[in-house]
Amino acid sequence: MSLALLVNRDYSQPTCIRSHWLVDGKPECVGLELPQTPLVPGGLYAIPAGQYRVQYTRSERFSILAGQDIWLPVVLDLPGCSTPTLFHGKPIDDCGIRIHGGNVVNSIPWGQPGGPASPVYKVNDPNRTDSEGCLLVGIAFGSDDKSLVESQAALRPLVTKIANAHDNGVSITLTISEPTA
């Protein structure tokens, strides 16, 4: 028995990739990712299409930011991802990409022209980002076609399904497909 997450990428533009998510073949939410190609040298970009293992673990990063334990899905077995990184001087114990709520992506690293002003999220930063490679989910796309709305409303039921599968020993896979057009 397994839980199958499918991310159907349906629209790519220079600044982001939009997608529709299915859980066990049923529509669940929409998603937003970084672009396929970095906008600047050293910039961030989307993970390749393929099938990945998903676990439900405590996020060191989000727990530090929230001041309490935060558990989120993490996509594992990514190409080129083998060593843990540091966040606020503490090692992040898994090398993967999180699935979480958020509204905007920006692939330009902080401090560079067009990138966020600092690594700390600031609502009034016009170049802010809610992702450093993570998969963002929402209920719908924003009117600008490069943002999401109601991200937490989409995240809660998705995380509940993933957590239940994890707690029951069910394997969880995420398949990312490219547009077929």
N, C-alpha and C. Protein backbone atom coordinates (compact mmCIF):
# COMPACT_ATOMS: atom_id res chain seq x y z
N MET A 1 0.85 -1.18 0.00
CA MET A 1 0.00 0.00 0.00
C MET A 1 0.89 1.24 0.00
N SER A 2 0.46 2.26 -0.76
CA SER A 2 1.25 3.49 -0.80
C SER A 2 0.33 4.69 -1.02
N LEU A 3 0.88 5.84 -0.71
CA LEU A 3 0.20 7.11 -0.98
C LEU A 3 0.95 7.74 -2.14
N ALA A 4 0.23 8.03 -3.23
CA ALA A 4 0.86 8.56 -4.44
C ALA A 4 0.52 10.03 -4.62
N LEU A 5 1.54 10.87 -4.57
CA LEU A 5 1.40 12.30 -4.86
C LEU A 5 1.90 12.53 -6.28
N LEU A 6 1.11 13.24 -7.07
CA LEU A 6 1.51 13.55 -8.44
C LEU A 6 1.48 15.05 -8.64
N VAL A 7 2.59 15.60 -9.07
CA VAL A 7 2.70 17.03 -9.38
C VAL A 7 2.76 17.15 -10.90
N ASN A 8 1.65 17.61 -11.48
CA ASN A 8 1.59 17.81 -12.93
C ASN A 8 1.98 19.25 -13.24
N ARG A 9 3.21 19.42 -13.67
CA ARG A 9 3.65 20.76 -14.07
C ARG A 9 2.93 21.10 -15.36
N ASP A 10 2.26 22.25 -15.36
CA ASP A 10 1.47 22.59 -16.54
C ASP A 10 1.83 23.92 -17.17
N TYR A 11 2.67 24.69 -16.52
CA TYR A 11 2.96 26.01 -17.07
C TYR A 11 4.29 26.46 -16.50
N SER A 12 5.19 26.79 -17.38
CA SER A 12 6.50 27.25 -16.93
C SER A 12 6.76 28.61 -17.54
N GLN A 13 7.27 29.50 -16.73
CA GLN A 13 7.68 30.81 -17.21
C GLN A 13 9.06 31.08 -16.64
N PRO A 14 9.72 32.13 -17.05
CA PRO A 14 11.10 32.34 -16.57
C PRO A 14 11.22 32.45 -15.04
N THR A 15 10.17 32.89 -14.36
CA THR A 15 10.29 33.11 -12.92
C THR A 15 9.73 32.00 -12.04
N CYS A 16 8.92 31.09 -12.60
CA CYS A 16 8.34 30.02 -11.77
C CYS A 16 7.72 28.93 -12.62
N ILE A 17 7.36 27.84 -11.95
CA ILE A 17 6.63 26.73 -12.57
C ILE A 17 5.34 26.55 -11.78
N ARG A 18 4.22 26.47 -12.50
CA ARG A 18 2.93 26.19 -11.88
C ARG A 18 2.62 24.71 -12.04
N SER A 19 1.82 24.18 -11.11
CA SER A 19 1.45 22.76 -11.20
C SER A 19 0.09 22.51 -10.55
N HIS A 20 -0.46 21.36 -10.89
CA HIS A 20 -1.67 20.85 -10.24
C HIS A 20 -1.30 19.55 -9.55
N TRP A 21 -1.72 19.41 -8.30
CA TRP A 21 -1.37 18.26 -7.49
C TRP A 21 -2.55 17.29 -7.38
N LEU A 22 -2.22 16.00 -7.47
CA LEU A 22 -3.20 14.94 -7.25
C LEU A 22 -2.70 14.05 -6.12
N VAL A 23 -3.61 13.56 -5.30
CA VAL A 23 -3.28 12.59 -4.26
C VAL A 23 -4.11 11.35 -4.55
N ASP A 24 -3.41 10.25 -4.79
CA ASP A 24 -4.07 9.00 -5.17
C ASP A 24 -5.05 9.22 -6.32
N GLY A 25 -4.63 10.02 -7.29
CA GLY A 25 -5.41 10.24 -8.51
C GLY A 25 -6.51 11.28 -8.41
N LYS A 26 -6.68 11.90 -7.24
CA LYS A 26 -7.74 12.88 -7.06
C LYS A 26 -7.15 14.28 -6.90
N PRO A 27 -7.76 15.30 -7.53
CA PRO A 27 -7.24 16.67 -7.39
C PRO A 27 -7.16 17.10 -5.93
N GLU A 28 -6.04 17.74 -5.56
CA GLU A 28 -5.81 18.14 -4.18
C GLU A 28 -5.58 19.64 -4.05
N CYS A 29 -4.67 20.20 -4.83
CA CYS A 29 -4.31 21.61 -4.69
C CYS A 29 -3.49 22.02 -5.91
N VAL A 30 -2.99 23.24 -5.90
CA VAL A 30 -2.09 23.71 -6.95
C VAL A 30 -0.74 24.00 -6.31
N GLY A 31 0.28 24.12 -7.13
CA GLY A 31 1.62 24.33 -6.60
C GLY A 31 2.42 25.34 -7.39
N LEU A 32 3.48 25.77 -6.75
CA LEU A 32 4.40 26.74 -7.33
C LEU A 32 5.81 26.32 -6.97
N GLU A 33 6.70 26.39 -7.97
CA GLU A 33 8.10 26.02 -7.77
C GLU A 33 8.99 27.08 -8.40
N LEU A 34 10.26 26.98 -8.07
CA LEU A 34 11.26 27.82 -8.72
C LEU A 34 11.32 27.45 -10.20
N PRO A 35 11.92 28.32 -11.03
CA PRO A 35 12.02 28.02 -12.47
C PRO A 35 12.98 26.86 -12.74
N GLN A 36 12.91 26.32 -13.97
CA GLN A 36 13.79 25.23 -14.39
C GLN A 36 15.25 25.65 -14.46
N THR A 37 15.47 26.91 -14.81
CA THR A 37 16.82 27.43 -15.02
C THR A 37 17.03 28.63 -14.11
N PRO A 38 18.17 28.71 -13.41
CA PRO A 38 18.41 29.87 -12.56
C PRO A 38 18.40 31.17 -13.37
N LEU A 39 17.86 32.23 -12.79
CA LEU A 39 17.83 33.52 -13.46
C LEU A 39 19.19 34.22 -13.41
N VAL A 40 20.01 33.86 -12.44
CA VAL A 40 21.35 34.43 -12.30
C VAL A 40 22.32 33.29 -11.96
N PRO A 41 23.62 33.46 -12.23
CA PRO A 41 24.58 32.42 -11.83
C PRO A 41 24.49 32.16 -10.33
N GLY A 42 24.45 30.90 -9.97
CA GLY A 42 24.34 30.53 -8.56
C GLY A 42 22.93 30.60 -8.02
N GLY A 43 21.96 30.95 -8.88
CA GLY A 43 20.57 31.04 -8.44
C GLY A 43 19.94 29.68 -8.23
N LEU A 44 18.79 29.69 -7.60
CA LEU A 44 18.08 28.45 -7.29
C LEU A 44 17.21 28.02 -8.46
N TYR A 45 16.89 26.74 -8.52
CA TYR A 45 16.06 26.23 -9.60
C TYR A 45 15.28 25.00 -9.14
N ALA A 46 14.31 24.59 -9.96
CA ALA A 46 13.40 23.49 -9.61
C ALA A 46 14.11 22.15 -9.62
N ILE A 47 13.57 21.22 -8.82
CA ILE A 47 14.10 19.86 -8.86
C ILE A 47 13.66 19.20 -10.16
N PRO A 48 14.45 18.25 -10.66
CA PRO A 48 14.10 17.60 -11.93
C PRO A 48 12.84 16.76 -11.83
N ALA A 49 12.18 16.58 -12.97
CA ALA A 49 11.04 15.66 -13.02
C ALA A 49 11.54 14.27 -12.64
N GLY A 50 10.68 13.49 -12.02
CA GLY A 50 11.05 12.14 -11.62
C GLY A 50 10.21 11.67 -10.46
N GLN A 51 10.57 10.52 -9.91
CA GLN A 51 9.84 9.97 -8.77
C GLN A 51 10.75 10.00 -7.55
N TYR A 52 10.18 10.44 -6.42
CA TYR A 52 10.95 10.64 -5.21
C TYR A 52 10.22 10.04 -4.01
N ARG A 53 11.00 9.73 -3.00
CA ARG A 53 10.46 9.23 -1.74
C ARG A 53 10.11 10.43 -0.87
N VAL A 54 9.00 10.33 -0.12
CA VAL A 54 8.57 11.40 0.78
C VAL A 54 8.49 10.83 2.20
N GLN A 55 8.97 11.61 3.17
CA GLN A 55 8.82 11.27 4.58
C GLN A 55 8.18 12.45 5.29
N TYR A 56 7.70 12.18 6.46
CA TYR A 56 7.09 13.22 7.31
C TYR A 56 7.98 13.34 8.53
N THR A 57 8.70 14.47 8.63
CA THR A 57 9.70 14.63 9.68
C THR A 57 9.62 16.01 10.31
N ARG A 58 10.27 16.13 11.45
CA ARG A 58 10.38 17.42 12.12
C ARG A 58 11.33 18.29 11.30
N SER A 59 10.88 19.48 10.97
CA SER A 59 11.71 20.43 10.23
C SER A 59 12.51 21.27 11.22
N GLU A 60 13.80 21.09 11.21
CA GLU A 60 14.67 21.88 12.08
C GLU A 60 14.50 23.37 11.78
N ARG A 61 14.50 23.70 10.53
CA ARG A 61 14.41 25.11 10.12
C ARG A 61 13.10 25.76 10.57
N PHE A 62 11.96 25.13 10.24
CA PHE A 62 10.67 25.71 10.61
C PHE A 62 10.46 25.68 12.13
N SER A 63 11.02 24.67 12.80
CA SER A 63 10.90 24.61 14.26
C SER A 63 11.66 25.76 14.91
N ILE A 64 12.85 26.08 14.38
CA ILE A 64 13.61 27.21 14.90
C ILE A 64 12.84 28.51 14.68
N LEU A 65 12.32 28.68 13.48
CA LEU A 65 11.58 29.91 13.16
C LEU A 65 10.31 30.06 14.00
N ALA A 66 9.61 28.95 14.24
CA ALA A 66 8.34 28.99 14.98
C ALA A 66 8.53 28.93 16.49
N GLY A 67 9.67 28.49 16.93
CA GLY A 67 9.88 28.34 18.37
C GLY A 67 9.15 27.14 18.95
N GLN A 68 8.75 26.21 18.11
CA GLN A 68 8.07 24.98 18.53
C GLN A 68 8.28 23.94 17.45
N ASP A 69 8.01 22.68 17.78
CA ASP A 69 8.19 21.62 16.79
C ASP A 69 7.21 21.76 15.64
N ILE A 70 7.74 21.73 14.44
CA ILE A 70 6.94 21.78 13.22
C ILE A 70 7.31 20.56 12.38
N TRP A 71 6.32 19.78 12.03
CA TRP A 71 6.51 18.59 11.20
C TRP A 71 5.95 18.86 9.81
N LEU A 72 6.73 18.53 8.80
CA LEU A 72 6.33 18.76 7.41
C LEU A 72 6.83 17.62 6.52
N PRO A 73 6.20 17.44 5.37
CA PRO A 73 6.71 16.46 4.42
C PRO A 73 8.05 16.93 3.84
N VAL A 74 8.91 15.97 3.56
CA VAL A 74 10.20 16.26 2.93
C VAL A 74 10.40 15.29 1.78
N VAL A 75 10.80 15.82 0.62
CA VAL A 75 11.07 15.03 -0.58
C VAL A 75 12.55 14.65 -0.53
N LEU A 76 12.82 13.34 -0.60
CA LEU A 76 14.18 12.83 -0.46
C LEU A 76 14.70 12.21 -1.75
N ASP A 77 15.95 11.80 -1.70
CA ASP A 77 16.64 11.14 -2.83
C ASP A 77 16.77 12.07 -4.04
N LEU A 78 17.02 13.33 -3.76
CA LEU A 78 17.17 14.31 -4.84
C LEU A 78 18.56 14.22 -5.46
N PRO A 79 18.65 14.44 -6.77
CA PRO A 79 19.97 14.42 -7.40
C PRO A 79 20.88 15.51 -6.81
N GLY A 80 22.11 15.14 -6.52
CA GLY A 80 23.09 16.10 -6.04
C GLY A 80 22.91 16.54 -4.61
N CYS A 81 22.03 15.91 -3.87
CA CYS A 81 21.75 16.31 -2.49
C CYS A 81 22.23 15.21 -1.56
N SER A 82 23.42 15.40 -0.98
CA SER A 82 23.95 14.33 -0.14
C SER A 82 24.45 14.80 1.22
N THR A 83 24.65 16.08 1.40
CA THR A 83 25.18 16.53 2.68
C THR A 83 24.21 17.49 3.35
N PRO A 84 24.06 17.39 4.67
CA PRO A 84 23.19 18.33 5.38
C PRO A 84 23.74 19.75 5.32
N THR A 85 22.88 20.71 5.43
CA THR A 85 23.29 22.11 5.45
C THR A 85 23.05 22.68 6.84
N LEU A 86 23.51 23.89 7.05
CA LEU A 86 23.33 24.55 8.33
C LEU A 86 22.27 25.63 8.23
N PHE A 87 21.51 25.80 9.30
CA PHE A 87 20.54 26.88 9.39
C PHE A 87 20.66 27.45 10.79
N HIS A 88 20.96 28.73 10.88
CA HIS A 88 21.21 29.39 12.17
C HIS A 88 22.28 28.63 12.96
N GLY A 89 23.28 28.11 12.24
CA GLY A 89 24.39 27.43 12.88
C GLY A 89 24.11 26.00 13.31
N LYS A 90 22.90 25.51 13.09
CA LYS A 90 22.56 24.14 13.47
C LYS A 90 22.41 23.29 12.21
N PRO A 91 22.89 22.03 12.25
CA PRO A 91 22.73 21.19 11.07
C PRO A 91 21.27 20.81 10.84
N ILE A 92 20.87 20.84 9.60
CA ILE A 92 19.55 20.35 9.22
C ILE A 92 19.75 18.87 8.92
N ASP A 93 19.01 18.01 9.61
CA ASP A 93 19.32 16.59 9.62
C ASP A 93 18.86 15.81 8.39
N ASP A 94 18.23 16.42 7.46
CA ASP A 94 17.88 15.72 6.25
C ASP A 94 18.26 16.57 5.05
N CYS A 95 18.55 15.92 3.98
CA CYS A 95 18.90 16.63 2.76
C CYS A 95 17.76 16.41 1.78
N GLY A 96 16.85 17.33 1.76
CA GLY A 96 15.68 17.19 0.91
C GLY A 96 14.99 18.52 0.73
N ILE A 97 13.90 18.47 0.03
CA ILE A 97 13.10 19.65 -0.26
C ILE A 97 11.78 19.51 0.48
N ARG A 98 11.40 20.53 1.21
CA ARG A 98 10.14 20.50 1.97
C ARG A 98 8.95 20.84 1.08
N ILE A 99 7.81 20.34 1.49
CA ILE A 99 6.52 20.75 0.93
C ILE A 99 5.89 21.61 2.01
N HIS A 100 5.56 22.85 1.67
CA HIS A 100 4.96 23.74 2.68
C HIS A 100 4.13 24.82 2.01
N GLY A 101 3.44 25.59 2.81
CA GLY A 101 2.65 26.70 2.29
C GLY A 101 3.54 27.87 1.94
N GLY A 102 3.04 28.72 1.07
CA GLY A 102 3.76 29.93 0.68
C GLY A 102 3.03 30.57 -0.49
N ASN A 103 3.41 31.79 -0.79
CA ASN A 103 2.70 32.51 -1.84
C ASN A 103 3.55 32.90 -3.04
N VAL A 104 4.86 33.10 -2.84
CA VAL A 104 5.71 33.58 -3.95
C VAL A 104 7.05 32.87 -3.94
N VAL A 105 7.66 32.77 -5.13
CA VAL A 105 9.01 32.24 -5.26
C VAL A 105 9.89 33.28 -5.94
N ASN A 106 11.17 33.26 -5.63
CA ASN A 106 12.16 34.11 -6.26
C ASN A 106 13.46 33.33 -6.28
N SER A 107 13.99 33.04 -7.47
CA SER A 107 15.17 32.19 -7.58
C SER A 107 16.48 32.96 -7.46
N ILE A 108 16.41 34.28 -7.33
CA ILE A 108 17.63 35.06 -7.21
C ILE A 108 18.05 35.09 -5.74
N PRO A 109 19.30 34.71 -5.44
CA PRO A 109 19.74 34.67 -4.04
C PRO A 109 19.63 36.04 -3.37
N TRP A 110 19.43 36.03 -2.05
CA TRP A 110 19.29 37.27 -1.30
C TRP A 110 20.57 38.10 -1.44
N GLY A 111 20.37 39.40 -1.45
CA GLY A 111 21.48 40.34 -1.54
C GLY A 111 21.89 40.68 -2.96
N GLN A 112 21.45 39.89 -3.96
CA GLN A 112 21.75 40.21 -5.35
C GLN A 112 20.63 41.06 -5.92
N PRO A 113 20.93 41.88 -6.95
CA PRO A 113 19.86 42.69 -7.56
C PRO A 113 18.69 41.82 -8.00
N GLY A 114 17.50 42.19 -7.57
CA GLY A 114 16.29 41.42 -7.89
C GLY A 114 15.99 40.33 -6.89
N GLY A 115 16.90 40.08 -5.96
CA GLY A 115 16.69 39.05 -4.94
C GLY A 115 16.18 39.68 -3.67
N PRO A 116 15.79 38.84 -2.69
CA PRO A 116 15.34 39.36 -1.41
C PRO A 116 16.43 40.22 -0.75
N ALA A 117 16.01 41.18 0.05
CA ALA A 117 16.96 42.08 0.71
C ALA A 117 17.80 41.36 1.75
N SER A 118 17.24 40.34 2.40
CA SER A 118 17.98 39.60 3.42
C SER A 118 17.46 38.17 3.47
N PRO A 119 18.21 37.27 4.15
CA PRO A 119 17.73 35.89 4.25
C PRO A 119 16.55 35.74 5.20
N VAL A 120 16.21 36.79 5.92
CA VAL A 120 15.07 36.76 6.83
C VAL A 120 13.85 37.27 6.08
N TYR A 121 12.77 36.49 6.11
CA TYR A 121 11.54 36.85 5.40
C TYR A 121 10.99 38.18 5.89
N LYS A 122 10.71 39.08 4.95
CA LYS A 122 10.10 40.37 5.29
C LYS A 122 8.93 40.61 4.35
N VAL A 123 7.74 40.77 4.91
CA VAL A 123 6.53 40.92 4.12
C VAL A 123 6.62 42.09 3.15
N ASN A 124 7.25 43.18 3.55
CA ASN A 124 7.28 44.36 2.70
C ASN A 124 8.42 44.35 1.68
N ASP A 125 9.18 43.27 1.59
CA ASP A 125 10.25 43.16 0.60
C ASP A 125 9.60 42.76 -0.74
N PRO A 126 9.64 43.63 -1.77
CA PRO A 126 8.98 43.30 -3.03
C PRO A 126 9.60 42.09 -3.73
N ASN A 127 10.81 41.71 -3.37
CA ASN A 127 11.48 40.57 -3.99
C ASN A 127 11.54 39.36 -3.06
N ARG A 128 10.67 39.35 -2.05
CA ARG A 128 10.70 38.26 -1.06
C ARG A 128 10.43 36.91 -1.73
N THR A 129 10.75 35.87 -1.01
CA THR A 129 10.47 34.52 -1.48
C THR A 129 10.00 33.68 -0.29
N ASP A 130 9.12 32.75 -0.56
CA ASP A 130 8.66 31.81 0.46
C ASP A 130 9.33 30.46 0.26
N SER A 131 10.25 30.38 -0.69
CA SER A 131 10.88 29.10 -1.01
C SER A 131 12.34 29.30 -1.37
N GLU A 132 13.15 28.38 -0.90
CA GLU A 132 14.54 28.31 -1.35
C GLU A 132 14.73 26.98 -2.06
N GLY A 133 13.73 26.60 -2.83
CA GLY A 133 13.74 25.34 -3.56
C GLY A 133 12.58 24.45 -3.20
N CYS A 134 11.87 24.77 -2.12
CA CYS A 134 10.75 23.95 -1.66
C CYS A 134 9.56 24.01 -2.62
N LEU A 135 8.69 23.02 -2.48
CA LEU A 135 7.45 22.97 -3.25
C LEU A 135 6.37 23.66 -2.45
N LEU A 136 5.79 24.71 -2.99
CA LEU A 136 4.73 25.45 -2.32
C LEU A 136 3.37 24.99 -2.82
N VAL A 137 2.38 24.96 -1.93
CA VAL A 137 1.02 24.58 -2.32
C VAL A 137 0.04 25.68 -1.93
N GLY A 138 -1.06 25.74 -2.67
CA GLY A 138 -2.11 26.70 -2.40
C GLY A 138 -3.43 26.19 -2.95
N ILE A 139 -4.50 26.92 -2.64
CA ILE A 139 -5.82 26.56 -3.15
C ILE A 139 -5.97 26.97 -4.61
N ALA A 140 -5.41 28.12 -4.97
CA ALA A 140 -5.54 28.64 -6.34
C ALA A 140 -4.32 29.49 -6.68
N PHE A 141 -4.17 29.77 -7.97
CA PHE A 141 -3.12 30.66 -8.42
C PHE A 141 -3.58 32.10 -8.26
N GLY A 142 -2.63 32.99 -7.98
CA GLY A 142 -2.93 34.41 -7.91
C GLY A 142 -3.24 34.96 -9.29
N SER A 143 -3.81 36.15 -9.35
CA SER A 143 -4.19 36.75 -10.63
C SER A 143 -2.98 37.05 -11.51
N ASP A 144 -1.78 37.10 -10.93
CA ASP A 144 -0.57 37.38 -11.70
C ASP A 144 0.04 36.11 -12.32
N ASP A 145 -0.54 34.94 -12.08
CA ASP A 145 -0.07 33.65 -12.59
C ASP A 145 1.28 33.22 -12.03
N LYS A 146 1.82 33.94 -11.06
CA LYS A 146 3.09 33.52 -10.48
C LYS A 146 3.08 33.62 -8.95
N SER A 147 1.89 33.46 -8.39
CA SER A 147 1.76 33.41 -6.94
C SER A 147 0.62 32.46 -6.58
N LEU A 148 0.52 32.13 -5.29
CA LEU A 148 -0.53 31.26 -4.79
C LEU A 148 -1.36 32.00 -3.76
N VAL A 149 -2.61 31.58 -3.61
CA VAL A 149 -3.47 32.12 -2.57
C VAL A 149 -3.93 30.97 -1.67
N GLU A 150 -4.22 31.32 -0.42
CA GLU A 150 -4.72 30.38 0.58
C GLU A 150 -3.82 29.15 0.73
N SER A 151 -2.54 29.42 0.94
CA SER A 151 -1.58 28.32 1.02
C SER A 151 -1.81 27.43 2.25
N GLN A 152 -2.10 28.02 3.39
CA GLN A 152 -2.30 27.19 4.59
C GLN A 152 -3.56 26.33 4.47
N ALA A 153 -4.58 26.84 3.80
CA ALA A 153 -5.81 26.06 3.61
C ALA A 153 -5.55 24.85 2.73
N ALA A 154 -4.59 24.93 1.83
CA ALA A 154 -4.22 23.79 0.99
C ALA A 154 -3.27 22.85 1.72
N LEU A 155 -2.38 23.43 2.51
CA LEU A 155 -1.36 22.64 3.18
C LEU A 155 -1.94 21.71 4.24
N ARG A 156 -2.87 22.20 5.04
CA ARG A 156 -3.40 21.39 6.16
C ARG A 156 -3.94 20.03 5.72
N PRO A 157 -4.86 19.96 4.76
CA PRO A 157 -5.37 18.63 4.38
C PRO A 157 -4.31 17.76 3.71
N LEU A 158 -3.40 18.37 2.96
CA LEU A 158 -2.34 17.60 2.32
C LEU A 158 -1.42 16.99 3.39
N VAL A 159 -1.00 17.79 4.34
CA VAL A 159 -0.13 17.30 5.41
C VAL A 159 -0.84 16.23 6.24
N THR A 160 -2.12 16.39 6.48
CA THR A 160 -2.87 15.39 7.24
C THR A 160 -2.83 14.05 6.53
N LYS A 161 -3.02 14.04 5.22
CA LYS A 161 -2.97 12.77 4.46
C LYS A 161 -1.57 12.16 4.53
N ILE A 162 -0.55 12.98 4.38
CA ILE A 162 0.82 12.48 4.42
C ILE A 162 1.17 11.98 5.83
N ALA A 163 0.78 12.72 6.85
CA ALA A 163 1.05 12.31 8.24
C ALA A 163 0.35 11.00 8.57
N ASN A 164 -0.90 10.85 8.15
CA ASN A 164 -1.64 9.61 8.40
C ASN A 164 -0.97 8.43 7.72
N ALA A 165 -0.53 8.62 6.47
CA ALA A 165 0.17 7.55 5.76
C ALA A 165 1.45 7.19 6.50
N HIS A 166 2.21 8.20 6.88
CA HIS A 166 3.46 7.98 7.62
C HIS A 166 3.21 7.22 8.92
N ASP A 167 2.21 7.66 9.69
CA ASP A 167 1.91 7.03 10.98
C ASP A 167 1.45 5.58 10.84
N ASN A 168 0.89 5.24 9.67
CA ASN A 168 0.41 3.88 9.43
C ASN A 168 1.41 3.03 8.65
N GLY A 169 2.63 3.54 8.49
CA GLY A 169 3.67 2.77 7.82
C GLY A 169 3.50 2.64 6.31
N VAL A 170 2.71 3.52 5.72
CA VAL A 170 2.45 3.49 4.29
C VAL A 170 3.56 4.26 3.57
N SER A 171 4.10 3.68 2.50
CA SER A 171 5.13 4.39 1.75
C SER A 171 4.50 5.55 0.98
N ILE A 172 5.25 6.62 0.83
CA ILE A 172 4.75 7.84 0.17
C ILE A 172 5.70 8.18 -0.97
N THR A 173 5.14 8.33 -2.17
CA THR A 173 5.96 8.72 -3.31
C THR A 173 5.42 10.01 -3.93
N LEU A 174 6.33 10.77 -4.48
CA LEU A 174 5.98 12.01 -5.19
C LEU A 174 6.54 11.87 -6.59
N THR A 175 5.67 11.99 -7.58
CA THR A 175 6.09 11.96 -8.98
C THR A 175 5.88 13.34 -9.56
N ILE A 176 6.92 13.89 -10.13
CA ILE A 176 6.85 15.20 -10.76
C ILE A 176 6.93 14.99 -12.26
N SER A 177 5.91 15.46 -12.98
CA SER A 177 5.88 15.31 -14.43
C SER A 177 6.04 16.66 -15.12
N GLU A 178 6.62 16.62 -16.28
CA GLU A 178 6.77 17.84 -17.09
C GLU A 178 5.49 18.05 -17.90
N PRO A 179 5.26 19.28 -18.37
CA PRO A 179 4.10 19.53 -19.23
C PRO A 179 4.13 18.63 -20.46
N THR A 180 2.96 18.16 -20.88
CA THR A 180 2.89 17.25 -22.03
C THR A 180 2.56 17.96 -23.34
N ALA A 181 2.31 19.25 -23.30
CA ALA A 181 1.90 19.97 -24.51
C ALA A 181 2.97 20.09 -25.53
